[in-house]
Amino acid sequence: MAPLACLTLLNLRNNKIGDAGVESLAKACAGGAMAQLTYLSIGSNQIGNAGVTALADACARGALAQLTTLHLEYNKIGDAGVEALAKACASGAMASLTTIFVDSPNHPALKAACQARGIKIARF
C-alpha cells in the first residue's frame, strides 16, 4: 500500500511551503501517495509558478483523481502557474474537482476551463 493511501484531508495552510515543498508533494502524489485525498489546502504559503505547475502536471498524469476541493489562495502564483492549472483542469484531470480557491478567479484560461467542467472558482 502506498504511503498515506487512506488520507482524505490534508491541510498545510500557512506553513511557509515554497515551490520545492509542493514539487515534493506532487512527486509523492504522482507515485500513488494520497490517492484517496479529497481535500487539499496549501493556501497562505510561498508557492509560486514552479510549485503549482508541478502539482498541475502530477494531476494531469492522474494524481489526486479523487480531489474535490483545492485551496491555493494567498500564494505567489502568477499567470504561468494559473495557466498550468487551467490546462490540467481542461484536460479532464482532477475529474472529481468541484471547488478551487485561487487569488485570480477571473483569469481567462482558468475561468474557461472551470466553467466547461462545472468547477466553482472562489476566494477564501
C-alpha atoms as a PDB file:
ATOM      1  CA  MET A   1       0.000   0.000   0.000  1.00  0.00           C
ATOM      2  CA  ALA A   2       1.291   3.467  -0.898  1.00  0.00           C
ATOM      3  CA  PRO A   3       2.194   5.864   1.915  1.00  0.00           C
ATOM      4  CA  LEU A   4      -0.780   7.807   3.252  1.00  0.00           C
ATOM      5  CA  ALA A   5      -3.084   5.838   0.951  1.00  0.00           C
ATOM      6  CA  CYS A   6      -6.130   6.342   3.195  1.00  0.00           C
ATOM      7  CA  LEU A   7      -5.630  10.067   3.798  1.00  0.00           C
ATOM      8  CA  THR A   8      -8.636  12.091   2.613  1.00  0.00           C
ATOM      9  CA  LEU A   9      -7.920  15.572   4.020  1.00  0.00           C
ATOM     10  CA  LEU A  10      -4.611  17.434   4.133  1.00  0.00           C
ATOM     11  CA  ASN A  11      -4.359  20.967   5.490  1.00  0.00           C
ATOM     12  CA  LEU A  12      -0.911  22.530   5.071  1.00  0.00           C
ATOM     13  CA  ARG A  13      -2.186  26.098   5.140  1.00  0.00           C
ATOM     14  CA  ASN A  14       0.179  28.774   6.449  1.00  0.00           C
ATOM     15  CA  ASN A  15       3.306  26.628   6.751  1.00  0.00           C
ATOM     16  CA  LYS A  16       5.791  28.645   4.651  1.00  0.00           C
ATOM     17  CA  ILE A  17       5.808  25.917   1.991  1.00  0.00           C
ATOM     18  CA  GLY A  18       7.543  27.002  -1.185  1.00  0.00           C
ATOM     19  CA  ASP A  19       7.951  25.545  -4.639  1.00  0.00           C
ATOM     20  CA  ALA A  20      10.357  22.812  -3.508  1.00  0.00           C
ATOM     21  CA  GLY A  21       7.862  21.586  -0.931  1.00  0.00           C
ATOM     22  CA  VAL A  22       4.984  21.437  -3.412  1.00  0.00           C
ATOM     23  CA  GLU A  23       7.224  19.800  -6.006  1.00  0.00           C
ATOM     24  CA  SER A  24       7.988  17.062  -3.444  1.00  0.00           C
ATOM     25  CA  LEU A  25       4.299  16.743  -2.614  1.00  0.00           C
ATOM     26  CA  ALA A  26       3.442  16.476  -6.320  1.00  0.00           C
ATOM     27  CA  LYS A  27       6.122  13.809  -6.830  1.00  0.00           C
ATOM     28  CA  ALA A  28       4.744  11.771  -3.934  1.00  0.00           C
ATOM     29  CA  CYS A  29       1.190  12.101  -5.273  1.00  0.00           C
ATOM     30  CA  ALA A  30       2.305  11.097  -8.764  1.00  0.00           C
ATOM     31  CA  GLY A  31       3.830   7.985  -7.182  1.00  0.00           C
ATOM     32  CA  GLY A  32       0.490   6.967  -5.711  1.00  0.00           C
ATOM     33  CA  ALA A  33       0.637   8.586  -2.286  1.00  0.00           C
ATOM     34  CA  MET A  34      -2.590  10.172  -1.109  1.00  0.00           C
ATOM     35  CA  ALA A  35      -4.675   8.539  -3.844  1.00  0.00           C
ATOM     36  CA  GLN A  36      -7.854   8.973  -1.760  1.00  0.00           C
ATOM     37  CA  LEU A  37      -7.269  12.665  -0.977  1.00  0.00           C
ATOM     38  CA  THR A  38     -10.452  14.710  -1.439  1.00  0.00           C
ATOM     39  CA  TYR A  39      -9.423  17.996   0.241  1.00  0.00           C
ATOM     40  CA  LEU A  40      -6.064  19.746  -0.116  1.00  0.00           C
ATOM     41  CA  SER A  41      -5.354  23.125   1.439  1.00  0.00           C
ATOM     42  CA  ILE A  42      -1.984  24.631   0.608  1.00  0.00           C
ATOM     43  CA  GLY A  43      -3.118  28.247   0.736  1.00  0.00           C
ATOM     44  CA  SER A  44      -1.241  31.011   2.566  1.00  0.00           C
ATOM     45  CA  ASN A  45       2.211  29.672   1.781  1.00  0.00           C
ATOM     46  CA  GLN A  46       5.016  30.784  -0.538  1.00  0.00           C
ATOM     47  CA  ILE A  47       4.099  28.703  -3.567  1.00  0.00           C
ATOM     48  CA  GLY A  48       4.924  30.134  -6.981  1.00  0.00           C
ATOM     49  CA  ASN A  49       4.598  29.100 -10.602  1.00  0.00           C
ATOM     50  CA  ALA A  50       7.051  26.191 -10.372  1.00  0.00           C
ATOM     51  CA  GLY A  51       5.246  24.576  -7.454  1.00  0.00           C
ATOM     52  CA  VAL A  52       1.735  24.851  -8.820  1.00  0.00           C
ATOM     53  CA  THR A  53       2.941  23.723 -12.258  1.00  0.00           C
ATOM     54  CA  ALA A  54       4.470  20.589 -10.708  1.00  0.00           C
ATOM     55  CA  LEU A  55       1.191  19.908  -8.902  1.00  0.00           C
ATOM     56  CA  ALA A  56      -0.859  20.509 -12.064  1.00  0.00           C
ATOM     57  CA  ASP A  57       1.446  18.222 -14.085  1.00  0.00           C
ATOM     58  CA  ALA A  58       1.107  15.436 -11.495  1.00  0.00           C
ATOM     59  CA  CYS A  59      -2.674  15.835 -11.584  1.00  0.00           C
ATOM     60  CA  ALA A  60      -2.674  15.746 -15.380  1.00  0.00           C
ATOM     61  CA  ARG A  61      -0.939  12.351 -15.105  1.00  0.00           C
ATOM     62  CA  GLY A  62      -3.693  11.018 -12.818  1.00  0.00           C
ATOM     63  CA  ALA A  63      -2.583  12.026  -9.335  1.00  0.00           C
ATOM     64  CA  LEU A  64      -5.268  13.313  -6.958  1.00  0.00           C
ATOM     65  CA  ALA A  65      -8.125  11.963  -9.073  1.00  0.00           C
ATOM     66  CA  GLN A  66     -10.430  11.959  -6.027  1.00  0.00           C
ATOM     67  CA  LEU A  67      -9.731  15.598  -5.112  1.00  0.00           C
ATOM     68  CA  THR A  68     -12.920  17.660  -4.729  1.00  0.00           C
ATOM     69  CA  THR A  69     -11.561  20.826  -3.066  1.00  0.00           C
ATOM     70  CA  LEU A  70      -8.251  22.591  -3.684  1.00  0.00           C
ATOM     71  CA  HIS A  71      -7.097  25.687  -1.794  1.00  0.00           C
ATOM     72  CA  LEU A  72      -4.278  27.628  -3.472  1.00  0.00           C
ATOM     73  CA  GLU A  73      -5.141  31.186  -2.423  1.00  0.00           C
ATOM     74  CA  TYR A  74      -2.673  33.613  -0.827  1.00  0.00           C
ATOM     75  CA  ASN A  75       0.433  32.301  -2.544  1.00  0.00           C
ATOM     76  CA  LYS A  76       2.767  33.787  -5.171  1.00  0.00           C
ATOM     77  CA  ILE A  77       1.207  32.091  -8.192  1.00  0.00           C
ATOM     78  CA  GLY A  78       1.423  34.106 -11.408  1.00  0.00           C
ATOM     79  CA  ASP A  79      -0.054  33.679 -14.876  1.00  0.00           C
ATOM     80  CA  ALA A  80       2.181  30.732 -15.817  1.00  0.00           C
ATOM     81  CA  GLY A  81       1.102  28.759 -12.765  1.00  0.00           C
ATOM     82  CA  VAL A  82      -2.578  29.566 -13.218  1.00  0.00           C
ATOM     83  CA  GLU A  83      -2.343  28.582 -16.891  1.00  0.00           C
ATOM     84  CA  ALA A  84      -0.769  25.224 -15.940  1.00  0.00           C
ATOM     85  CA  LEU A  85      -3.616  24.659 -13.506  1.00  0.00           C
ATOM     86  CA  ALA A  86      -6.155  25.639 -16.169  1.00  0.00           C
ATOM     87  CA  LYS A  87      -4.586  23.206 -18.629  1.00  0.00           C
ATOM     88  CA  ALA A  88      -4.816  20.367 -16.086  1.00  0.00           C
ATOM     89  CA  CYS A  89      -8.478  21.202 -15.405  1.00  0.00           C
ATOM     90  CA  ALA A  90      -9.310  21.465 -19.108  1.00  0.00           C
ATOM     91  CA  SER A  91      -7.677  18.095 -19.814  1.00  0.00           C
ATOM     92  CA  GLY A  92     -10.130  16.341 -17.522  1.00  0.00           C
ATOM     93  CA  ALA A  93      -7.530  15.779 -14.827  1.00  0.00           C
ATOM     94  CA  MET A  94      -8.868  16.025 -11.301  1.00  0.00           C
ATOM     95  CA  ALA A  95     -12.169  14.631 -12.543  1.00  0.00           C
ATOM     96  CA  SER A  96     -13.757  14.932  -9.094  1.00  0.00           C
ATOM     97  CA  LEU A  97     -12.767  18.572  -8.509  1.00  0.00           C
ATOM     98  CA  THR A  98     -15.771  20.724  -7.620  1.00  0.00           C
ATOM     99  CA  THR A  99     -14.202  23.805  -5.992  1.00  0.00           C
ATOM    100  CA  ILE A 100     -10.891  25.598  -6.351  1.00  0.00           C
ATOM    101  CA  PHE A 101      -9.817  28.585  -4.275  1.00  0.00           C
ATOM    102  CA  VAL A 102      -7.366  30.921  -6.036  1.00  0.00           C
ATOM    103  CA  ASP A 103      -6.346  34.570  -5.957  1.00  0.00           C
ATOM    104  CA  SER A 104      -7.165  35.086  -9.622  1.00  0.00           C
ATOM    105  CA  PRO A 105     -10.705  33.734 -10.096  1.00  0.00           C
ATOM    106  CA  ASN A 106     -11.151  35.797 -13.267  1.00  0.00           C
ATOM    107  CA  HIS A 107      -8.072  34.502 -15.080  1.00  0.00           C
ATOM    108  CA  PRO A 108      -9.467  33.790 -18.577  1.00  0.00           C
ATOM    109  CA  ALA A 109      -7.923  30.344 -19.088  1.00  0.00           C
ATOM    110  CA  LEU A 110      -8.803  29.086 -15.616  1.00  0.00           C
ATOM    111  CA  LYS A 111     -12.290  30.551 -15.766  1.00  0.00           C
ATOM    112  CA  ALA A 112     -12.967  28.897 -19.135  1.00  0.00           C
ATOM    113  CA  ALA A 113     -11.579  25.523 -18.051  1.00  0.00           C
ATOM    114  CA  CYS A 114     -13.547  25.521 -14.817  1.00  0.00           C
ATOM    115  CA  GLN A 115     -16.794  26.680 -16.432  1.00  0.00           C
ATOM    116  CA  ALA A 116     -16.527  23.901 -19.009  1.00  0.00           C
ATOM    117  CA  ARG A 117     -16.169  21.324 -16.230  1.00  0.00           C
ATOM    118  CA  GLY A 118     -18.594  22.842 -13.719  1.00  0.00           C
ATOM    119  CA  ILE A 119     -15.853  23.649 -11.222  1.00  0.00           C
ATOM    120  CA  LYS A 120     -16.580  26.543  -8.872  1.00  0.00           C
ATOM    121  CA  ILE A 121     -13.776  29.112  -8.557  1.00  0.00           C
ATOM    122  CA  ALA A 122     -13.746  31.030  -5.288  1.00  0.00           C
ATOM    123  CA  ARG A 123     -11.633  33.143  -2.986  1.00  0.00           C
ATOM    124  CA  PHE A 124     -11.267  32.195   0.671  1.00  0.00           C
END
